[in-house]
Amino acid sequence: MVNGRMLLLIADIAGYTRFMTVHRINLTHAQVIVAELLEAVIDAATPTFKLSKLEGDAAFFYAPLQEGAPLDDVSRTVADIRRAFLACRDRMAAEQLCTCDPCTQAGQLKLKFAAHAGEVALQRVKRLTELAGIAVIVVHRMLKNHVPVPEYVLVTEELHAALPESVRRFTHATHEELEGIGEVTMHYVDLDEIAAELPHELAPQAPLWRRLARWLRLTLRSLPFFVGAKEPCAVFQNLDEARGGSSLSVPRGRP
């Protein structure tokens, strides 16, 4: 057991539960799409952050903090993650050939973040590193909030103070009642608002050979689910209510 101060970050794919429950017939394509988006998120977060674990449609990261270390890494990492997420989402749209609902509506998926810093206990369990402590509970319960926008970065007071002025001027205060913690003042950035000042153009439709190649990759990655070796979306069921999302109920067997 190792105790230390950590910077904690959750990147959560917003709209995921609705996306999955509406499109029951094509759960296999939906799972592959979200897996690809999560892979892009993880690649963009490292090496600044380490992946603790995947939590359904979210990735939970941590970074050890040295005494007096700056906390502004979170803003740069969030920007890198969102760029990678949008690039992956746009690429999938440009290479789209399949006409199933998950493939045609994947562009509706969004990304939201919760970030916090605090004391954390790290425990090695076989090859996994488990994080525990009040700070871990806080960052998860931050996702259950009243932020009025779908894509945001929500941070606690200490991280808000460490944000560069170019980001802090976009923040809005919110007072949230966290279960078992009490009322906490936090600050959020509307990612659509801050992105309005940044140019972002959708990728043009890819040539037919690239769309065929993506369809083939999608089909190959879906095979384990089609043949019954894996159950579609099994890892996304019964998500922890502390994360603020409703549990995902996926029927077993035929849709």
C-alpha atoms as a PDB file:
ATOM      1  CA  MET A   1       0.000   0.000   0.000  1.00  0.00           C
ATOM      2  CA  VAL A   2       1.449   3.357  -1.079  1.00  0.00           C
ATOM      3  CA  ASN A   3      -0.078   6.706  -0.144  1.00  0.00           C
ATOM      4  CA  GLY A   4       0.481   9.842  -2.154  1.00  0.00           C
ATOM      5  CA  ARG A   5      -1.022  12.957  -3.614  1.00  0.00           C
ATOM      6  CA  MET A   6      -2.546  12.342  -7.027  1.00  0.00           C
ATOM      7  CA  LEU A   7      -4.101  14.274  -9.866  1.00  0.00           C
ATOM      8  CA  LEU A   8      -7.247  12.344 -10.859  1.00  0.00           C
ATOM      9  CA  LEU A   9      -9.052  12.600 -14.185  1.00  0.00           C
ATOM     10  CA  ILE A  10     -12.109  10.827 -15.601  1.00  0.00           C
ATOM     11  CA  ALA A  11     -12.882  11.088 -19.315  1.00  0.00           C
ATOM     12  CA  ASP A  12     -16.467   9.977 -19.866  1.00  0.00           C
ATOM     13  CA  ILE A  13     -18.218   9.458 -23.196  1.00  0.00           C
ATOM     14  CA  ALA A  14     -21.449  11.431 -22.817  1.00  0.00           C
ATOM     15  CA  GLY A  15     -24.639  10.118 -24.364  1.00  0.00           C
ATOM     16  CA  TYR A  16     -23.260   6.589 -24.304  1.00  0.00           C
ATOM     17  CA  THR A  17     -26.047   4.940 -22.314  1.00  0.00           C
ATOM     18  CA  ARG A  18     -28.700   6.371 -24.618  1.00  0.00           C
ATOM     19  CA  PHE A  19     -26.634   5.390 -27.651  1.00  0.00           C
ATOM     20  CA  MET A  20     -26.356   1.809 -26.442  1.00  0.00           C
ATOM     21  CA  THR A  21     -29.910   1.291 -25.230  1.00  0.00           C
ATOM     22  CA  VAL A  22     -31.537   2.754 -28.325  1.00  0.00           C
ATOM     23  CA  HIS A  23     -29.542   0.642 -30.752  1.00  0.00           C
ATOM     24  CA  ARG A  24     -30.026  -2.828 -29.294  1.00  0.00           C
ATOM     25  CA  ILE A  25     -29.937  -4.660 -32.644  1.00  0.00           C
ATOM     26  CA  ASN A  26     -26.420  -3.437 -33.457  1.00  0.00           C
ATOM     27  CA  LEU A  27     -24.753  -3.646 -30.056  1.00  0.00           C
ATOM     28  CA  THR A  28     -21.654  -5.220 -31.569  1.00  0.00           C
ATOM     29  CA  HIS A  29     -20.869  -2.249 -33.828  1.00  0.00           C
ATOM     30  CA  ALA A  30     -21.683   0.150 -30.987  1.00  0.00           C
ATOM     31  CA  GLN A  31     -19.221  -1.592 -28.675  1.00  0.00           C
ATOM     32  CA  VAL A  32     -16.442  -1.527 -31.278  1.00  0.00           C
ATOM     33  CA  ILE A  33     -17.053   2.171 -32.005  1.00  0.00           C
ATOM     34  CA  VAL A  34     -16.798   3.154 -28.346  1.00  0.00           C
ATOM     35  CA  ALA A  35     -13.757   0.910 -27.848  1.00  0.00           C
ATOM     36  CA  GLU A  36     -11.970   2.747 -30.662  1.00  0.00           C
ATOM     37  CA  LEU A  37     -12.860   6.116 -29.122  1.00  0.00           C
ATOM     38  CA  LEU A  38     -11.595   4.990 -25.710  1.00  0.00           C
ATOM     39  CA  GLU A  39      -8.343   3.793 -27.296  1.00  0.00           C
ATOM     40  CA  ALA A  40      -7.845   7.270 -28.768  1.00  0.00           C
ATOM     41  CA  VAL A  41      -8.564   8.838 -25.352  1.00  0.00           C
ATOM     42  CA  ILE A  42      -6.049   6.560 -23.583  1.00  0.00           C
ATOM     43  CA  ASP A  43      -3.303   7.163 -26.147  1.00  0.00           C
ATOM     44  CA  ALA A  44      -3.740  10.933 -25.821  1.00  0.00           C
ATOM     45  CA  ALA A  45      -3.636  10.868 -22.011  1.00  0.00           C
ATOM     46  CA  THR A  46      -0.344   9.002 -21.755  1.00  0.00           C
ATOM     47  CA  PRO A  47       2.392   9.438 -20.671  1.00  0.00           C
ATOM     48  CA  THR A  48       1.210  12.409 -18.571  1.00  0.00           C
ATOM     49  CA  PHE A  49      -1.464  10.252 -16.926  1.00  0.00           C
ATOM     50  CA  LYS A  50      -1.569   6.549 -16.128  1.00  0.00           C
ATOM     51  CA  LEU A  51      -4.715   4.552 -16.813  1.00  0.00           C
ATOM     52  CA  SER A  52      -6.169   3.154 -13.599  1.00  0.00           C
ATOM     53  CA  LYS A  53      -9.008   1.276 -15.300  1.00  0.00           C
ATOM     54  CA  LEU A  54     -11.846   1.460 -17.756  1.00  0.00           C
ATOM     55  CA  GLU A  55     -15.240   2.004 -16.154  1.00  0.00           C
ATOM     56  CA  GLY A  56     -17.750   1.133 -18.833  1.00  0.00           C
ATOM     57  CA  ASP A  57     -17.801   4.133 -21.148  1.00  0.00           C
ATOM     58  CA  ALA A  58     -15.188   6.076 -19.167  1.00  0.00           C
ATOM     59  CA  ALA A  59     -11.444   5.994 -18.572  1.00  0.00           C
ATOM     60  CA  PHE A  60     -10.098   6.749 -15.083  1.00  0.00           C
ATOM     61  CA  PHE A  61      -6.584   8.224 -15.004  1.00  0.00           C
ATOM     62  CA  TYR A  62      -4.149   9.319 -12.308  1.00  0.00           C
ATOM     63  CA  ALA A  63      -0.823  11.119 -12.118  1.00  0.00           C
ATOM     64  CA  PRO A  64       1.403  11.273  -9.009  1.00  0.00           C
ATOM     65  CA  LEU A  65       2.063  14.800  -7.768  1.00  0.00           C
ATOM     66  CA  GLN A  66       5.356  15.850  -6.247  1.00  0.00           C
ATOM     67  CA  GLU A  67       5.471  18.480  -3.505  1.00  0.00           C
ATOM     68  CA  GLY A  68       4.912  21.869  -5.100  1.00  0.00           C
ATOM     69  CA  ALA A  69       4.290  20.379  -8.562  1.00  0.00           C
ATOM     70  CA  PRO A  70       2.122  22.506 -10.879  1.00  0.00           C
ATOM     71  CA  LEU A  71      -1.450  21.353 -11.449  1.00  0.00           C
ATOM     72  CA  ASP A  72      -1.948  22.879 -14.886  1.00  0.00           C
ATOM     73  CA  ASP A  73      -1.120  19.603 -16.689  1.00  0.00           C
ATOM     74  CA  VAL A  74      -4.813  18.776 -16.509  1.00  0.00           C
ATOM     75  CA  SER A  75      -5.801  21.526 -18.970  1.00  0.00           C
ATOM     76  CA  ARG A  76      -3.203  20.487 -21.542  1.00  0.00           C
ATOM     77  CA  THR A  77      -4.094  16.817 -21.195  1.00  0.00           C
ATOM     78  CA  VAL A  78      -7.818  17.475 -21.519  1.00  0.00           C
ATOM     79  CA  ALA A  79      -7.159  19.483 -24.693  1.00  0.00           C
ATOM     80  CA  ASP A  80      -5.031  16.638 -26.106  1.00  0.00           C
ATOM     81  CA  ILE A  81      -7.666  14.037 -25.232  1.00  0.00           C
ATOM     82  CA  ARG A  82     -10.529  15.996 -26.760  1.00  0.00           C
ATOM     83  CA  ARG A  83      -8.576  16.628 -29.975  1.00  0.00           C
ATOM     84  CA  ALA A  84      -7.817  12.914 -30.249  1.00  0.00           C
ATOM     85  CA  PHE A  85     -11.461  12.023 -29.529  1.00  0.00           C
ATOM     86  CA  LEU A  86     -12.772  14.416 -32.182  1.00  0.00           C
ATOM     87  CA  ALA A  87     -10.172  13.263 -34.714  1.00  0.00           C
ATOM     88  CA  CYS A  88     -11.133   9.621 -34.151  1.00  0.00           C
ATOM     89  CA  ARG A  89     -14.854  10.428 -34.321  1.00  0.00           C
ATOM     90  CA  ASP A  90     -14.406  12.488 -37.504  1.00  0.00           C
ATOM     91  CA  ARG A  91     -12.275   9.790 -39.101  1.00  0.00           C
ATOM     92  CA  MET A  92     -14.949   7.180 -38.407  1.00  0.00           C
ATOM     93  CA  ALA A  93     -17.568   9.458 -39.955  1.00  0.00           C
ATOM     94  CA  ALA A  94     -15.412  10.090 -43.018  1.00  0.00           C
ATOM     95  CA  GLU A  95     -14.754   6.361 -43.483  1.00  0.00           C
ATOM     96  CA  GLN A  96     -18.327   5.295 -42.770  1.00  0.00           C
ATOM     97  CA  LEU A  97     -19.740   2.708 -45.141  1.00  0.00           C
ATOM     98  CA  CYS A  98     -21.994   0.705 -42.823  1.00  0.00           C
ATOM     99  CA  THR A  99     -25.530   2.121 -42.571  1.00  0.00           C
ATOM    100  CA  CYS A 100     -26.500   0.661 -39.190  1.00  0.00           C
ATOM    101  CA  ASP A 101     -27.698   3.128 -36.547  1.00  0.00           C
ATOM    102  CA  PRO A 102     -24.583   3.050 -34.310  1.00  0.00           C
ATOM    103  CA  CYS A 103     -22.299   3.746 -37.289  1.00  0.00           C
ATOM    104  CA  THR A 104     -24.426   6.580 -38.696  1.00  0.00           C
ATOM    105  CA  GLN A 105     -25.079   8.188 -35.298  1.00  0.00           C
ATOM    106  CA  ALA A 106     -21.649   7.795 -33.681  1.00  0.00           C
ATOM    107  CA  GLY A 107     -21.017  11.470 -34.401  1.00  0.00           C
ATOM    108  CA  GLN A 108     -23.522  12.332 -31.639  1.00  0.00           C
ATOM    109  CA  LEU A 109     -21.250  10.939 -28.922  1.00  0.00           C
ATOM    110  CA  LYS A 110     -19.554  13.584 -26.790  1.00  0.00           C
ATOM    111  CA  LEU A 111     -16.893  13.752 -24.102  1.00  0.00           C
ATOM    112  CA  LYS A 112     -16.981  15.185 -20.579  1.00  0.00           C
ATOM    113  CA  PHE A 113     -14.328  15.333 -17.866  1.00  0.00           C
ATOM    114  CA  ALA A 114     -14.079  15.458 -14.069  1.00  0.00           C
ATOM    115  CA  ALA A 115     -10.769  16.341 -12.400  1.00  0.00           C
ATOM    116  CA  HIS A 116      -9.653  16.553  -8.782  1.00  0.00           C
ATOM    117  CA  ALA A 117      -6.446  16.407  -6.729  1.00  0.00           C
ATOM    118  CA  GLY A 118      -6.020  14.752  -3.341  1.00  0.00           C
ATOM    119  CA  GLU A 119      -4.489  12.045  -1.193  1.00  0.00           C
ATOM    120  CA  VAL A 120      -4.864   8.558  -2.654  1.00  0.00           C
ATOM    121  CA  ALA A 121      -3.843   5.088  -1.539  1.00  0.00           C
ATOM    122  CA  LEU A 122      -2.417   2.838  -4.265  1.00  0.00           C
ATOM    123  CA  GLN A 123      -2.582  -0.913  -3.826  1.00  0.00           C
ATOM    124  CA  ARG A 124      -1.197  -3.501  -6.226  1.00  0.00           C
ATOM    125  CA  VAL A 125      -3.572  -6.420  -6.837  1.00  0.00           C
ATOM    126  CA  LYS A 126      -1.771  -8.858  -9.142  1.00  0.00           C
ATOM    127  CA  ARG A 127      -1.064  -6.738 -12.261  1.00  0.00           C
ATOM    128  CA  LEU A 128      -3.597  -4.052 -11.421  1.00  0.00           C
ATOM    129  CA  THR A 129      -3.177  -0.839  -9.423  1.00  0.00           C
ATOM    130  CA  GLU A 130      -6.267  -0.024  -7.368  1.00  0.00           C
ATOM    131  CA  LEU A 131      -6.863   3.525  -6.130  1.00  0.00           C
ATOM    132  CA  ALA A 132      -8.731   4.256  -2.912  1.00  0.00           C
ATOM    133  CA  GLY A 133      -9.522   7.225  -0.702  1.00  0.00           C
ATOM    134  CA  ILE A 134     -11.889  10.157  -0.349  1.00  0.00           C
ATOM    135  CA  ALA A 135     -10.379  11.877  -3.400  1.00  0.00           C
ATOM    136  CA  VAL A 136     -11.293   8.880  -5.579  1.00  0.00           C
ATOM    137  CA  ILE A 137     -14.872   8.989  -4.293  1.00  0.00           C
ATOM    138  CA  VAL A 138     -15.080  12.735  -4.895  1.00  0.00           C
ATOM    139  CA  VAL A 139     -13.915  12.631  -8.532  1.00  0.00           C
ATOM    140  CA  HIS A 140     -16.412   9.876  -9.346  1.00  0.00           C
ATOM    141  CA  ARG A 141     -19.322  11.624  -7.650  1.00  0.00           C
ATOM    142  CA  MET A 142     -18.496  14.809  -9.522  1.00  0.00           C
ATOM    143  CA  LEU A 143     -20.026  13.195 -12.594  1.00  0.00           C
ATOM    144  CA  LYS A 144     -23.409  13.308 -10.878  1.00  0.00           C
ATOM    145  CA  ASN A 145     -23.989  17.038 -11.164  1.00  0.00           C
ATOM    146  CA  HIS A 146     -26.248  19.814 -12.441  1.00  0.00           C
ATOM    147  CA  VAL A 147     -23.913  21.169 -15.106  1.00  0.00           C
ATOM    148  CA  PRO A 148     -26.303  22.397 -17.831  1.00  0.00           C
ATOM    149  CA  VAL A 149     -24.147  21.520 -20.871  1.00  0.00           C
ATOM    150  CA  PRO A 150     -23.373  18.113 -22.409  1.00  0.00           C
ATOM    151  CA  GLU A 151     -19.618  18.546 -22.937  1.00  0.00           C
ATOM    152  CA  TYR A 152     -17.583  20.037 -20.133  1.00  0.00           C
ATOM    153  CA  VAL A 153     -14.544  19.903 -17.878  1.00  0.00           C
ATOM    154  CA  LEU A 154     -15.531  20.024 -14.189  1.00  0.00           C
ATOM    155  CA  VAL A 155     -12.785  20.783 -11.664  1.00  0.00           C
ATOM    156  CA  THR A 156     -12.542  21.417  -7.934  1.00  0.00           C
ATOM    157  CA  GLU A 157     -11.414  24.753  -6.453  1.00  0.00           C
ATOM    158  CA  GLU A 158      -7.703  23.923  -6.217  1.00  0.00           C
ATOM    159  CA  LEU A 159      -7.481  22.868  -9.854  1.00  0.00           C
ATOM    160  CA  HIS A 160      -9.519  25.876 -10.934  1.00  0.00           C
ATOM    161  CA  ALA A 161      -6.991  28.197  -9.308  1.00  0.00           C
ATOM    162  CA  ALA A 162      -4.183  26.421 -11.182  1.00  0.00           C
ATOM    163  CA  LEU A 163      -5.774  26.751 -14.629  1.00  0.00           C
ATOM    164  CA  PRO A 164      -4.113  29.214 -17.019  1.00  0.00           C
ATOM    165  CA  GLU A 165      -5.999  32.489 -17.396  1.00  0.00           C
ATOM    166  CA  SER A 166      -6.755  31.678 -21.041  1.00  0.00           C
ATOM    167  CA  VAL A 167      -8.871  28.757 -19.790  1.00  0.00           C
ATOM    168  CA  ARG A 168     -10.080  30.157 -16.463  1.00  0.00           C
ATOM    169  CA  ARG A 169     -11.922  33.026 -18.154  1.00  0.00           C
ATOM    170  CA  PHE A 170     -14.297  30.441 -19.639  1.00  0.00           C
ATOM    171  CA  THR A 171     -15.177  28.825 -16.306  1.00  0.00           C
ATOM    172  CA  HIS A 172     -18.529  28.946 -14.515  1.00  0.00           C
ATOM    173  CA  ALA A 173     -19.029  28.231 -10.807  1.00  0.00           C
ATOM    174  CA  THR A 174     -21.443  25.546  -9.661  1.00  0.00           C
ATOM    175  CA  HIS A 175     -22.362  24.307  -6.195  1.00  0.00           C
ATOM    176  CA  GLU A 176     -22.930  20.561  -6.051  1.00  0.00           C
ATOM    177  CA  GLU A 177     -24.136  18.329  -3.219  1.00  0.00           C
ATOM    178  CA  LEU A 178     -21.947  15.224  -3.309  1.00  0.00           C
ATOM    179  CA  GLU A 179     -23.416  12.218  -1.512  1.00  0.00           C
ATOM    180  CA  GLY A 180     -21.569  11.575   1.734  1.00  0.00           C
ATOM    181  CA  ILE A 181     -19.295  14.575   1.133  1.00  0.00           C
ATOM    182  CA  GLY A 182     -21.556  17.612   1.360  1.00  0.00           C
ATOM    183  CA  GLU A 183     -21.774  20.767  -0.718  1.00  0.00           C
ATOM    184  CA  VAL A 184     -18.705  21.473  -2.825  1.00  0.00           C
ATOM    185  CA  THR A 185     -17.986  24.505  -4.977  1.00  0.00           C
ATOM    186  CA  MET A 186     -16.666  23.512  -8.375  1.00  0.00           C
ATOM    187  CA  HIS A 187     -16.073  25.139 -11.728  1.00  0.00           C
ATOM    188  CA  TYR A 188     -16.834  23.918 -15.223  1.00  0.00           C
ATOM    189  CA  VAL A 189     -15.791  24.869 -18.723  1.00  0.00           C
ATOM    190  CA  ASP A 190     -18.310  24.454 -21.527  1.00  0.00           C
ATOM    191  CA  LEU A 191     -16.210  22.725 -24.190  1.00  0.00           C
ATOM    192  CA  ASP A 192     -18.478  23.970 -26.962  1.00  0.00           C
ATOM    193  CA  GLU A 193     -17.949  27.533 -25.756  1.00  0.00           C
ATOM    194  CA  ILE A 194     -14.175  27.291 -25.628  1.00  0.00           C
ATOM    195  CA  ALA A 195     -14.070  25.375 -28.926  1.00  0.00           C
ATOM    196  CA  ALA A 196     -16.027  28.130 -30.685  1.00  0.00           C
ATOM    197  CA  GLU A 197     -12.819  30.162 -30.767  1.00  0.00           C
ATOM    198  CA  LEU A 198     -10.866  27.295 -32.318  1.00  0.00           C
ATOM    199  CA  PRO A 199     -11.277  26.282 -35.968  1.00  0.00           C
ATOM    200  CA  HIS A 200     -12.526  22.733 -36.462  1.00  0.00           C
ATOM    201  CA  GLU A 201     -13.386  21.336 -39.851  1.00  0.00           C
ATOM    202  CA  LEU A 202     -14.939  17.951 -40.461  1.00  0.00           C
ATOM    203  CA  ALA A 203     -12.835  15.548 -42.480  1.00  0.00           C
ATOM    204  CA  PRO A 204     -14.073  15.058 -46.069  1.00  0.00           C
ATOM    205  CA  GLN A 205     -15.540  11.694 -46.992  1.00  0.00           C
ATOM    206  CA  ALA A 206     -12.771   9.134 -47.415  1.00  0.00           C
ATOM    207  CA  PRO A 207     -12.246   7.325 -50.726  1.00  0.00           C
ATOM    208  CA  LEU A 208     -14.124   4.073 -51.240  1.00  0.00           C
ATOM    209  CA  TRP A 209     -11.107   1.851 -50.541  1.00  0.00           C
ATOM    210  CA  ARG A 210     -10.664   3.409 -47.077  1.00  0.00           C
ATOM    211  CA  ARG A 211     -14.358   3.015 -46.300  1.00  0.00           C
ATOM    212  CA  LEU A 212     -14.192  -0.623 -47.384  1.00  0.00           C
ATOM    213  CA  ALA A 213     -11.099  -1.139 -45.212  1.00  0.00           C
ATOM    214  CA  ARG A 214     -12.877   0.320 -42.186  1.00  0.00           C
ATOM    215  CA  TRP A 215     -15.930  -1.859 -42.816  1.00  0.00           C
ATOM    216  CA  LEU A 216     -13.643  -4.913 -42.927  1.00  0.00           C
ATOM    217  CA  ARG A 217     -11.893  -3.923 -39.664  1.00  0.00           C
ATOM    218  CA  LEU A 218     -15.247  -3.303 -38.012  1.00  0.00           C
ATOM    219  CA  THR A 219     -16.528  -6.681 -39.156  1.00  0.00           C
ATOM    220  CA  LEU A 220     -13.419  -8.527 -37.932  1.00  0.00           C
ATOM    221  CA  ARG A 221     -13.550  -6.850 -34.505  1.00  0.00           C
ATOM    222  CA  SER A 222     -17.249  -7.713 -34.262  1.00  0.00           C
ATOM    223  CA  LEU A 223     -16.784 -11.413 -35.003  1.00  0.00           C
ATOM    224  CA  PRO A 224     -16.277 -12.556 -31.369  1.00  0.00           C
ATOM    225  CA  PHE A 225     -19.655 -11.048 -30.499  1.00  0.00           C
ATOM    226  CA  PHE A 226     -21.451 -12.439 -33.528  1.00  0.00           C
ATOM    227  CA  VAL A 227     -20.218 -16.003 -32.882  1.00  0.00           C
ATOM    228  CA  GLY A 228     -21.061 -15.822 -29.173  1.00  0.00           C
ATOM    229  CA  ALA A 229     -17.489 -15.865 -27.831  1.00  0.00           C
ATOM    230  CA  LYS A 230     -18.203 -12.522 -26.124  1.00  0.00           C
ATOM    231  CA  GLU A 231     -21.411 -10.875 -24.993  1.00  0.00           C
ATOM    232  CA  PRO A 232     -21.963  -7.436 -26.530  1.00  0.00           C
ATOM    233  CA  CYS A 233     -21.651  -4.618 -24.007  1.00  0.00           C
ATOM    234  CA  ALA A 234     -21.290  -6.926 -21.001  1.00  0.00           C
ATOM    235  CA  VAL A 235     -18.644  -4.600 -19.552  1.00  0.00           C
ATOM    236  CA  PHE A 236     -21.004  -1.650 -19.744  1.00  0.00           C
ATOM    237  CA  GLN A 237     -23.769  -3.088 -17.564  1.00  0.00           C
ATOM    238  CA  ASN A 238     -24.561  -1.959 -14.018  1.00  0.00           C
ATOM    239  CA  LEU A 239     -22.312   1.078 -13.971  1.00  0.00           C
ATOM    240  CA  ASP A 240     -21.591   2.528 -10.541  1.00  0.00           C
ATOM    241  CA  GLU A 241     -24.335   5.017  -9.676  1.00  0.00           C
ATOM    242  CA  ALA A 242     -21.707   7.204  -8.036  1.00  0.00           C
ATOM    243  CA  ARG A 243     -20.554   8.125 -11.540  1.00  0.00           C
ATOM    244  CA  GLY A 244     -23.884   9.772 -12.117  1.00  0.00           C
ATOM    245  CA  GLY A 245     -25.021   7.688 -15.083  1.00  0.00           C
ATOM    246  CA  SER A 246     -28.021   5.410 -15.133  1.00  0.00           C
ATOM    247  CA  SER A 247     -27.222   1.730 -15.195  1.00  0.00           C
ATOM    248  CA  LEU A 248     -27.169   0.220 -18.632  1.00  0.00           C
ATOM    249  CA  SER A 249     -29.544  -2.647 -19.080  1.00  0.00           C
ATOM    250  CA  VAL A 250     -28.778  -4.812 -22.095  1.00  0.00           C
ATOM    251  CA  PRO A 251     -30.939  -7.845 -22.856  1.00  0.00           C
ATOM    252  CA  ARG A 252     -29.200 -11.169 -23.075  1.00  0.00           C
ATOM    253  CA  GLY A 253     -29.581 -13.427 -26.014  1.00  0.00           C
ATOM    254  CA  ARG A 254     -31.289 -12.198 -29.163  1.00  0.00           C
ATOM    255  CA  PRO A 255     -32.210  -8.485 -29.280  1.00  0.00           C
END
